[in-house]
C-alpha atoms as a PDB file:
ATOM      1  CA  UNK A   1     292.823 160.238 373.135  1.00  0.00           C
ATOM      2  CA  UNK A   2     293.800 160.017 376.920  1.00  0.00           C
ATOM      3  CA  UNK A   3     295.436 156.748 376.009  1.00  0.00           C
ATOM      4  CA  UNK A   4     296.808 157.946 373.173  1.00  0.00           C
ATOM      5  CA  UNK A   5     298.196 160.773 375.772  1.00  0.00           C
ATOM      6  CA  UNK A   6     299.435 158.201 377.976  1.00  0.00           C
ATOM      7  CA  UNK A   7     301.566 156.072 375.358  1.00  0.00           C
ATOM      8  CA  UNK A   8     303.483 158.996 374.240  1.00  0.00           C
ATOM      9  CA  UNK A   9     304.155 160.047 377.870  1.00  0.00           C
ATOM     10  CA  UNK A  10     305.035 157.286 378.411  1.00  0.00           C
ATOM     11  CA  UNK A  11     307.662 156.607 375.677  1.00  0.00           C
ATOM     12  CA  UNK A  12     308.959 159.770 376.092  1.00  0.00           C
ATOM     13  CA  UNK A  13     309.389 159.298 380.178  1.00  0.00           C
ATOM     14  CA  UNK A  14     311.831 155.667 378.307  1.00  0.00           C
ATOM     15  CA  UNK A  15     313.331 157.915 375.623  1.00  0.00           C
ATOM     16  CA  UNK A  16     314.574 161.098 378.716  1.00  0.00           C
ATOM     17  CA  UNK A  17     315.796 157.806 381.217  1.00  0.00           C
ATOM     18  CA  UNK A  18     317.125 156.057 378.412  1.00  0.00           C
ATOM     19  CA  UNK A  19     319.498 158.697 377.460  1.00  0.00           C
ATOM     20  CA  UNK A  20     320.125 160.358 381.135  1.00  0.00           C
ATOM     21  CA  UNK A  21     320.917 156.004 382.131  1.00  0.00           C
ATOM     22  CA  UNK A  22     321.779 154.289 379.025  1.00  0.00           C
ATOM     23  CA  UNK A  23     325.573 155.464 378.813  1.00  0.00           C
ATOM     24  CA  UNK A  24     326.804 154.454 381.912  1.00  0.00           C
ATOM     25  CA  UNK A  25     325.025 151.384 381.804  1.00  0.00           C
ATOM     26  CA  UNK A  26     327.074 150.587 379.118  1.00  0.00           C
ATOM     27  CA  UNK A  27     330.145 151.311 380.863  1.00  0.00           C
ATOM     28  CA  UNK A  28     328.633 148.822 383.791  1.00  0.00           C
ATOM     29  CA  UNK A  29     327.917 146.363 381.112  1.00  0.00           C
ATOM     30  CA  UNK A  30     331.933 146.412 379.711  1.00  0.00           C
ATOM     31  CA  UNK A  31     333.654 146.789 382.680  1.00  0.00           C
ATOM     32  CA  UNK A  32     332.517 143.226 382.897  1.00  0.00           C
ATOM     33  CA  UNK A  33     333.510 142.308 379.456  1.00  0.00           C
ATOM     34  CA  UNK A  34     336.134 138.710 379.969  1.00  0.00           C
ATOM     35  CA  UNK A  35     338.222 140.254 377.032  1.00  0.00           C
ATOM     36  CA  UNK A  36     340.515 143.262 376.541  1.00  0.00           C
ATOM     37  CA  UNK A  37     338.928 144.707 373.918  1.00  0.00           C
ATOM     38  CA  UNK A  38     335.485 147.041 375.414  1.00  0.00           C
ATOM     39  CA  UNK A  39     333.195 146.399 371.980  1.00  0.00           C
ATOM     40  CA  UNK A  40     330.868 143.923 371.411  1.00  0.00           C
ATOM     41  CA  UNK A  41     330.186 141.582 371.248  1.00  0.00           C
ATOM     42  CA  UNK A  42     330.105 140.897 375.316  1.00  0.00           C
ATOM     43  CA  UNK A  43     332.362 137.783 376.737  1.00  0.00           C
ATOM     44  CA  UNK A  44     331.104 138.553 380.520  1.00  0.00           C
ATOM     45  CA  UNK A  45     330.430 138.679 382.741  1.00  0.00           C
ATOM     46  CA  UNK A  46     333.985 138.642 384.088  1.00  0.00           C
ATOM     47  CA  UNK A  47     335.404 140.741 387.760  1.00  0.00           C
ATOM     48  CA  UNK A  48     338.570 139.972 386.074  1.00  0.00           C
ATOM     49  CA  UNK A  49     339.112 144.179 385.498  1.00  0.00           C
ATOM     50  CA  UNK A  50     337.647 144.531 389.318  1.00  0.00           C
ATOM     51  CA  UNK A  51     340.386 142.767 390.758  1.00  0.00           C
ATOM     52  CA  UNK A  52     342.586 144.643 387.997  1.00  0.00           C
ATOM     53  CA  UNK A  53     341.809 147.906 390.019  1.00  0.00           C
ATOM     54  CA  UNK A  54     342.124 147.023 392.913  1.00  0.00           C
ATOM     55  CA  UNK A  55     345.494 145.037 393.061  1.00  0.00           C
ATOM     56  CA  UNK A  56     346.436 148.228 390.957  1.00  0.00           C
ATOM     57  CA  UNK A  57     348.371 150.682 393.214  1.00  0.00           C
ATOM     58  CA  UNK A  58     348.602 153.645 391.301  1.00  0.00           C
ATOM     59  CA  UNK A  59     344.198 153.626 391.112  1.00  0.00           C
ATOM     60  CA  UNK A  60     344.043 152.283 394.914  1.00  0.00           C
ATOM     61  CA  UNK A  61     346.203 155.480 396.222  1.00  0.00           C
ATOM     62  CA  UNK A  62     344.386 157.706 394.351  1.00  0.00           C
ATOM     63  CA  UNK A  63     340.763 155.876 395.270  1.00  0.00           C
ATOM     64  CA  UNK A  64     341.918 156.626 399.179  1.00  0.00           C
ATOM     65  CA  UNK A  65     343.288 160.296 398.190  1.00  0.00           C
ATOM     66  CA  UNK A  66     340.036 160.854 396.423  1.00  0.00           C
ATOM     67  CA  UNK A  67     337.973 159.679 399.846  1.00  0.00           C
ATOM     68  CA  UNK A  68     340.460 161.318 402.466  1.00  0.00           C
ATOM     69  CA  UNK A  69     339.779 164.805 400.463  1.00  0.00           C
ATOM     70  CA  UNK A  70     336.271 164.698 399.816  1.00  0.00           C
ATOM     71  CA  UNK A  71     335.151 163.777 403.356  1.00  0.00           C
ATOM     72  CA  UNK A  72     338.179 166.182 404.880  1.00  0.00           C
ATOM     73  CA  UNK A  73     336.834 169.040 402.609  1.00  0.00           C
ATOM     74  CA  UNK A  74     333.684 168.573 403.064  1.00  0.00           C
ATOM     75  CA  UNK A  75     333.814 168.470 406.942  1.00  0.00           C
ATOM     76  CA  UNK A  76     335.617 172.151 406.629  1.00  0.00           C
ATOM     77  CA  UNK A  77     333.269 173.442 403.954  1.00  0.00           C
ATOM     78  CA  UNK A  78     330.842 172.102 406.013  1.00  0.00           C
ATOM     79  CA  UNK A  79     331.908 173.697 409.038  1.00  0.00           C
ATOM     80  CA  UNK A  80     331.950 176.719 408.096  1.00  0.00           C
ATOM     81  CA  UNK A  81     329.288 177.245 405.451  1.00  0.00           C
ATOM     82  CA  UNK A  82     327.077 176.795 408.756  1.00  0.00           C
ATOM     83  CA  UNK A  83     329.203 179.367 411.437  1.00  0.00           C
ATOM     84  CA  UNK A  84     328.468 181.450 408.357  1.00  0.00           C
ATOM     85  CA  UNK A  85     324.788 180.516 408.076  1.00  0.00           C
ATOM     86  CA  UNK A  86     324.452 180.698 412.081  1.00  0.00           C
ATOM     87  CA  UNK A  87     326.243 184.515 411.969  1.00  0.00           C
ATOM     88  CA  UNK A  88     323.599 185.640 409.167  1.00  0.00           C
ATOM     89  CA  UNK A  89     320.322 184.492 410.417  1.00  0.00           C
ATOM     90  CA  UNK A  90     321.126 185.589 413.990  1.00  0.00           C
ATOM     91  CA  UNK A  91     322.928 188.388 413.968  1.00  0.00           C
ATOM     92  CA  UNK A  92     322.051 192.161 412.239  1.00  0.00           C
ATOM     93  CA  UNK A  93     325.660 192.676 410.233  1.00  0.00           C
ATOM     94  CA  UNK A  94     326.046 195.526 407.660  1.00  0.00           C
ATOM     95  CA  UNK A  95     325.249 195.114 403.979  1.00  0.00           C
ATOM     96  CA  UNK A  96     324.376 191.091 405.180  1.00  0.00           C
ATOM     97  CA  UNK A  97     322.656 191.072 401.746  1.00  0.00           C
ATOM     98  CA  UNK A  98     325.777 192.124 399.685  1.00  0.00           C
ATOM     99  CA  UNK A  99     327.823 189.780 401.773  1.00  0.00           C
ATOM    100  CA  UNK A 100     325.568 186.474 401.027  1.00  0.00           C
ATOM    101  CA  UNK A 101     325.154 187.388 397.466  1.00  0.00           C
ATOM    102  CA  UNK A 102     329.278 187.204 397.505  1.00  0.00           C
ATOM    103  CA  UNK A 103     329.288 183.832 399.701  1.00  0.00           C
ATOM    104  CA  UNK A 104     327.584 182.302 397.318  1.00  0.00           C
ATOM    105  CA  UNK A 105     328.843 184.403 393.936  1.00  0.00           C
ATOM    106  CA  UNK A 106     331.549 180.924 393.493  1.00  0.00           C
ATOM    107  CA  UNK A 107     328.552 178.868 392.351  1.00  0.00           C
ATOM    108  CA  UNK A 108     328.266 180.674 389.604  1.00  0.00           C
ATOM    109  CA  UNK A 109     331.377 181.186 388.098  1.00  0.00           C
ATOM    110  CA  UNK A 110     333.296 177.840 386.179  1.00  0.00           C
ATOM    111  CA  UNK A 111     335.356 175.707 388.240  1.00  0.00           C
ATOM    112  CA  UNK A 112     338.186 176.103 385.524  1.00  0.00           C
ATOM    113  CA  UNK A 113     338.376 180.112 386.440  1.00  0.00           C
ATOM    114  CA  UNK A 114     338.321 178.968 389.861  1.00  0.00           C
ATOM    115  CA  UNK A 115     340.512 176.670 389.778  1.00  0.00           C
ATOM    116  CA  UNK A 116     343.399 178.965 387.507  1.00  0.00           C
ATOM    117  CA  UNK A 117     343.232 181.316 390.215  1.00  0.00           C
ATOM    118  CA  UNK A 118     343.553 178.939 393.222  1.00  0.00           C
ATOM    119  CA  UNK A 119     346.124 178.253 390.651  1.00  0.00           C
ATOM    120  CA  UNK A 120     348.104 181.496 390.509  1.00  0.00           C
ATOM    121  CA  UNK A 121     347.700 182.693 394.158  1.00  0.00           C
ATOM    122  CA  UNK A 122     349.021 179.288 395.638  1.00  0.00           C
ATOM    123  CA  UNK A 123     351.818 180.176 393.104  1.00  0.00           C
ATOM    124  CA  UNK A 124     352.511 184.086 394.368  1.00  0.00           C
ATOM    125  CA  UNK A 125     352.233 182.121 398.906  1.00  0.00           C
ATOM    126  CA  UNK A 126     354.687 179.839 397.695  1.00  0.00           C
ATOM    127  CA  UNK A 127     351.513 176.367 398.621  1.00  0.00           C
ATOM    128  CA  UNK A 128     353.631 173.573 396.057  1.00  0.00           C
ATOM    129  CA  UNK A 129     350.914 171.501 393.832  1.00  0.00           C
ATOM    130  CA  UNK A 130     349.250 168.482 396.125  1.00  0.00           C
ATOM    131  CA  UNK A 131     346.936 167.368 398.006  1.00  0.00           C
ATOM    132  CA  UNK A 132     345.882 169.847 400.299  1.00  0.00           C
ATOM    133  CA  UNK A 133     345.461 172.096 398.020  1.00  0.00           C
ATOM    134  CA  UNK A 134     342.632 170.502 395.962  1.00  0.00           C
ATOM    135  CA  UNK A 135     341.498 170.403 399.341  1.00  0.00           C
ATOM    136  CA  UNK A 136     341.531 173.703 399.441  1.00  0.00           C
ATOM    137  CA  UNK A 137     340.385 174.112 396.128  1.00  0.00           C
ATOM    138  CA  UNK A 138     337.300 171.889 396.855  1.00  0.00           C
ATOM    139  CA  UNK A 139     336.163 173.436 400.251  1.00  0.00           C
ATOM    140  CA  UNK A 140     335.957 176.768 398.402  1.00  0.00           C
ATOM    141  CA  UNK A 141     333.552 175.174 395.221  1.00  0.00           C
ATOM    142  CA  UNK A 142     331.216 173.605 397.707  1.00  0.00           C
ATOM    143  CA  UNK A 143     331.132 175.916 400.845  1.00  0.00           C
ATOM    144  CA  UNK A 144     328.286 178.049 399.107  1.00  0.00           C
ATOM    145  CA  UNK A 145     326.495 175.172 398.684  1.00  0.00           C
ATOM    146  CA  UNK A 146     326.592 174.269 402.080  1.00  0.00           C
ATOM    147  CA  UNK A 147     325.793 177.838 403.257  1.00  0.00           C
ATOM    148  CA  UNK A 148     322.871 178.393 400.914  1.00  0.00           C
ATOM    149  CA  UNK A 149     321.687 174.784 401.983  1.00  0.00           C
ATOM    150  CA  UNK A 150     321.658 175.034 406.040  1.00  0.00           C
ATOM    151  CA  UNK A 151     320.929 179.180 405.489  1.00  0.00           C
ATOM    152  CA  UNK A 152     317.402 178.232 403.879  1.00  0.00           C
ATOM    153  CA  UNK A 153     316.307 175.893 406.583  1.00  0.00           C
ATOM    154  CA  UNK A 154     316.518 178.893 409.738  1.00  0.00           C
ATOM    155  CA  UNK A 155     313.476 179.878 410.570  1.00  0.00           C
ATOM    156  CA  UNK A 156     311.825 181.818 413.504  1.00  0.00           C
ATOM    157  CA  UNK A 157     311.031 178.429 415.890  1.00  0.00           C
ATOM    158  CA  UNK A 158     314.711 177.959 416.069  1.00  0.00           C
ATOM    159  CA  UNK A 159     314.973 181.664 417.473  1.00  0.00           C
ATOM    160  CA  UNK A 160     312.559 180.568 420.413  1.00  0.00           C
ATOM    161  CA  UNK A 161     314.363 177.161 421.427  1.00  0.00           C
ATOM    162  CA  UNK A 162     317.082 179.302 421.517  1.00  0.00           C
ATOM    163  CA  UNK A 163     315.966 182.008 422.850  1.00  0.00           C
ATOM    164  CA  UNK A 164     314.562 179.663 425.442  1.00  0.00           C
ATOM    165  CA  UNK A 165     317.572 177.815 426.531  1.00  0.00           C
ATOM    166  CA  UNK A 166     319.643 181.223 427.316  1.00  0.00           C
ATOM    167  CA  UNK A 167     316.584 182.849 429.635  1.00  0.00           C
ATOM    168  CA  UNK A 168     317.030 179.199 431.496  1.00  0.00           C
ATOM    169  CA  UNK A 169     320.967 179.527 431.468  1.00  0.00           C
ATOM    170  CA  UNK A 170     322.534 178.320 428.732  1.00  0.00           C
ATOM    171  CA  UNK A 171     325.150 179.388 427.482  1.00  0.00           C
ATOM    172  CA  UNK A 172     326.330 180.472 423.561  1.00  0.00           C
ATOM    173  CA  UNK A 173     328.150 177.673 422.757  1.00  0.00           C
ATOM    174  CA  UNK A 174     326.191 174.687 424.597  1.00  0.00           C
ATOM    175  CA  UNK A 175     323.320 176.823 423.223  1.00  0.00           C
ATOM    176  CA  UNK A 176     324.700 176.403 419.302  1.00  0.00           C
ATOM    177  CA  UNK A 177     326.348 172.894 419.938  1.00  0.00           C
ATOM    178  CA  UNK A 178     322.929 171.546 421.588  1.00  0.00           C
ATOM    179  CA  UNK A 179     320.110 173.110 420.112  1.00  0.00           C
ATOM    180  CA  UNK A 180     321.347 174.550 417.097  1.00  0.00           C
ATOM    181  CA  UNK A 181     323.492 172.012 415.857  1.00  0.00           C
ATOM    182  CA  UNK A 182     320.608 168.712 416.416  1.00  0.00           C
ATOM    183  CA  UNK A 183     317.438 171.005 414.962  1.00  0.00           C
ATOM    184  CA  UNK A 184     319.917 171.753 411.700  1.00  0.00           C
ATOM    185  CA  UNK A 185     321.377 167.906 411.704  1.00  0.00           C
ATOM    186  CA  UNK A 186     318.912 167.128 408.717  1.00  0.00           C
ATOM    187  CA  UNK A 187     320.498 170.270 406.633  1.00  0.00           C
ATOM    188  CA  UNK A 188     323.675 169.958 408.034  1.00  0.00           C
ATOM    189  CA  UNK A 189     324.301 166.245 406.747  1.00  0.00           C
ATOM    190  CA  UNK A 190     322.440 167.051 403.462  1.00  0.00           C
ATOM    191  CA  UNK A 191     324.970 169.261 402.356  1.00  0.00           C
ATOM    192  CA  UNK A 192     328.066 167.019 404.083  1.00  0.00           C
ATOM    193  CA  UNK A 193     326.449 164.882 401.284  1.00  0.00           C
ATOM    194  CA  UNK A 194     325.832 166.239 398.988  1.00  0.00           C
ATOM    195  CA  UNK A 195     329.058 168.259 398.849  1.00  0.00           C
ATOM    196  CA  UNK A 196     331.356 165.221 399.145  1.00  0.00           C
ATOM    197  CA  UNK A 197     329.469 163.734 395.588  1.00  0.00           C
ATOM    198  CA  UNK A 198     330.412 166.946 394.200  1.00  0.00           C
ATOM    199  CA  UNK A 199     334.117 166.470 395.530  1.00  0.00           C
ATOM    200  CA  UNK A 200     334.016 162.683 395.008  1.00  0.00           C
ATOM    201  CA  UNK A 201     333.045 163.120 391.235  1.00  0.00           C
ATOM    202  CA  UNK A 202     335.058 167.002 390.437  1.00  0.00           C
ATOM    203  CA  UNK A 203     338.532 167.283 387.584  1.00  0.00           C
ATOM    204  CA  UNK A 204     339.202 170.205 387.314  1.00  0.00           C
ATOM    205  CA  UNK A 205     340.275 172.002 390.134  1.00  0.00           C
ATOM    206  CA  UNK A 206     342.089 168.529 391.098  1.00  0.00           C
ATOM    207  CA  UNK A 207     344.021 167.807 387.698  1.00  0.00           C
ATOM    208  CA  UNK A 208     345.229 171.823 388.521  1.00  0.00           C
ATOM    209  CA  UNK A 209     346.047 171.873 392.072  1.00  0.00           C
ATOM    210  CA  UNK A 210     347.344 168.264 391.854  1.00  0.00           C
ATOM    211  CA  UNK A 211     350.870 167.064 390.697  1.00  0.00           C
ATOM    212  CA  UNK A 212     352.134 163.598 392.265  1.00  0.00           C
ATOM    213  CA  UNK A 213     349.325 162.440 394.858  1.00  0.00           C
ATOM    214  CA  UNK A 214     346.146 162.856 392.688  1.00  0.00           C
ATOM    215  CA  UNK A 215     342.371 161.893 392.890  1.00  0.00           C
ATOM    216  CA  UNK A 216     340.847 159.216 391.479  1.00  0.00           C
ATOM    217  CA  UNK A 217     339.365 161.587 388.574  1.00  0.00           C
ATOM    218  CA  UNK A 218     342.947 162.802 387.767  1.00  0.00           C
ATOM    219  CA  UNK A 219     344.369 159.084 387.533  1.00  0.00           C
ATOM    220  CA  UNK A 220     341.383 158.038 385.444  1.00  0.00           C
ATOM    221  CA  UNK A 221     342.227 160.469 382.682  1.00  0.00           C
ATOM    222  CA  UNK A 222     345.628 159.554 382.741  1.00  0.00           C
ATOM    223  CA  UNK A 223     344.493 155.847 381.451  1.00  0.00           C
ATOM    224  CA  UNK A 224     342.458 157.150 379.113  1.00  0.00           C
ATOM    225  CA  UNK A 225     345.150 158.916 377.377  1.00  0.00           C
ATOM    226  CA  UNK A 226     346.509 155.468 376.257  1.00  0.00           C
ATOM    227  CA  UNK A 227     342.582 154.673 375.315  1.00  0.00           C
ATOM    228  CA  UNK A 228     339.660 153.101 375.994  1.00  0.00           C
ATOM    229  CA  UNK A 229     339.779 149.723 377.934  1.00  0.00           C
ATOM    230  CA  UNK A 230     337.854 147.824 380.852  1.00  0.00           C
ATOM    231  CA  UNK A 231     339.625 149.178 383.572  1.00  0.00           C
ATOM    232  CA  UNK A 232     338.708 152.324 382.976  1.00  0.00           C
ATOM    233  CA  UNK A 233     335.485 150.834 382.449  1.00  0.00           C
ATOM    234  CA  UNK A 234     336.150 149.133 385.994  1.00  0.00           C
ATOM    235  CA  UNK A 235     337.476 152.340 387.397  1.00  0.00           C
ATOM    236  CA  UNK A 236     334.162 154.414 385.952  1.00  0.00           C
ATOM    237  CA  UNK A 237     331.717 151.948 387.223  1.00  0.00           C
ATOM    238  CA  UNK A 238     332.892 152.180 390.834  1.00  0.00           C
ATOM    239  CA  UNK A 239     332.864 156.230 390.664  1.00  0.00           C
ATOM    240  CA  UNK A 240     329.100 156.289 389.888  1.00  0.00           C
ATOM    241  CA  UNK A 241     328.594 153.633 392.746  1.00  0.00           C
ATOM    242  CA  UNK A 242     330.144 156.006 395.113  1.00  0.00           C
ATOM    243  CA  UNK A 243     328.030 159.101 393.610  1.00  0.00           C
ATOM    244  CA  UNK A 244     324.554 156.919 393.733  1.00  0.00           C
ATOM    245  CA  UNK A 245     325.561 155.702 397.319  1.00  0.00           C
ATOM    246  CA  UNK A 246     326.208 159.136 398.173  1.00  0.00           C
ATOM    247  CA  UNK A 247     323.339 160.583 396.432  1.00  0.00           C
ATOM    248  CA  UNK A 248     321.161 158.133 398.013  1.00  0.00           C
ATOM    249  CA  UNK A 249     322.077 159.301 401.669  1.00  0.00           C
ATOM    250  CA  UNK A 250     321.178 163.291 400.745  1.00  0.00           C
ATOM    251  CA  UNK A 251     318.219 161.918 399.657  1.00  0.00           C
ATOM    252  CA  UNK A 252     317.087 159.865 402.651  1.00  0.00           C
ATOM    253  CA  UNK A 253     318.324 162.936 404.537  1.00  0.00           C
ATOM    254  CA  UNK A 254     315.836 165.105 402.742  1.00  0.00           C
ATOM    255  CA  UNK A 255     313.153 162.244 402.790  1.00  0.00           C
ATOM    256  CA  UNK A 256     313.369 162.177 407.287  1.00  0.00           C
ATOM    257  CA  UNK A 257     313.549 165.590 407.041  1.00  0.00           C
ATOM    258  CA  UNK A 258     310.055 166.447 405.771  1.00  0.00           C
ATOM    259  CA  UNK A 259     308.524 163.591 407.814  1.00  0.00           C
ATOM    260  CA  UNK A 260     306.387 165.373 410.343  1.00  0.00           C
END
């Protein structure tokens, strides 16, 4: 009976992981297709379509745009999230529970609703569609996540260390930069990498708030409108590879945080 349960458990695990990763395996496999049609039989392996992607100026420009928007918006989101978390954790504010709820509220709102709201707001104040507008949108959706991660790691032991530094004559800015930030570095880095992952893959807000200069997910959408081809598979594989790297960095940061 126990052996049968183990076999069923193994088959269930294979089915679950196969359901999750089979589309990715197919995507990567046919990105190596040598012919122009991403259909069986497989005629690779060939790096022809990766070369085509890397020599396509529109795709490489969109790739650079995605990296810039993801890194800069994540940096801003982590900075604002850290300062917000530090303020709520270290000071008694009126209605702090309500204010914390308002900060994390965008986590429960659809990206489509947030993107449409930002589009209306930017049209009203005269901000044109651009990468800057898309970056602001990414800050809006990632700041609550950064705040939640960093705020959850602010404990009483850090308060005692900060108090000791103040008693030794350290000004507040030195306490913040030399004590609080290093102690919370794993949480800050984890929030940054997770924010980059979400920003790198984000499509809806980037689609609504950009016009001529676009991010890579928007450019992939433009390619898919003309039908599937191994070039789109190669782009999707590259996006997946970058996402995997960011997630691994996030996991390594968490593992480092858990070590005694």
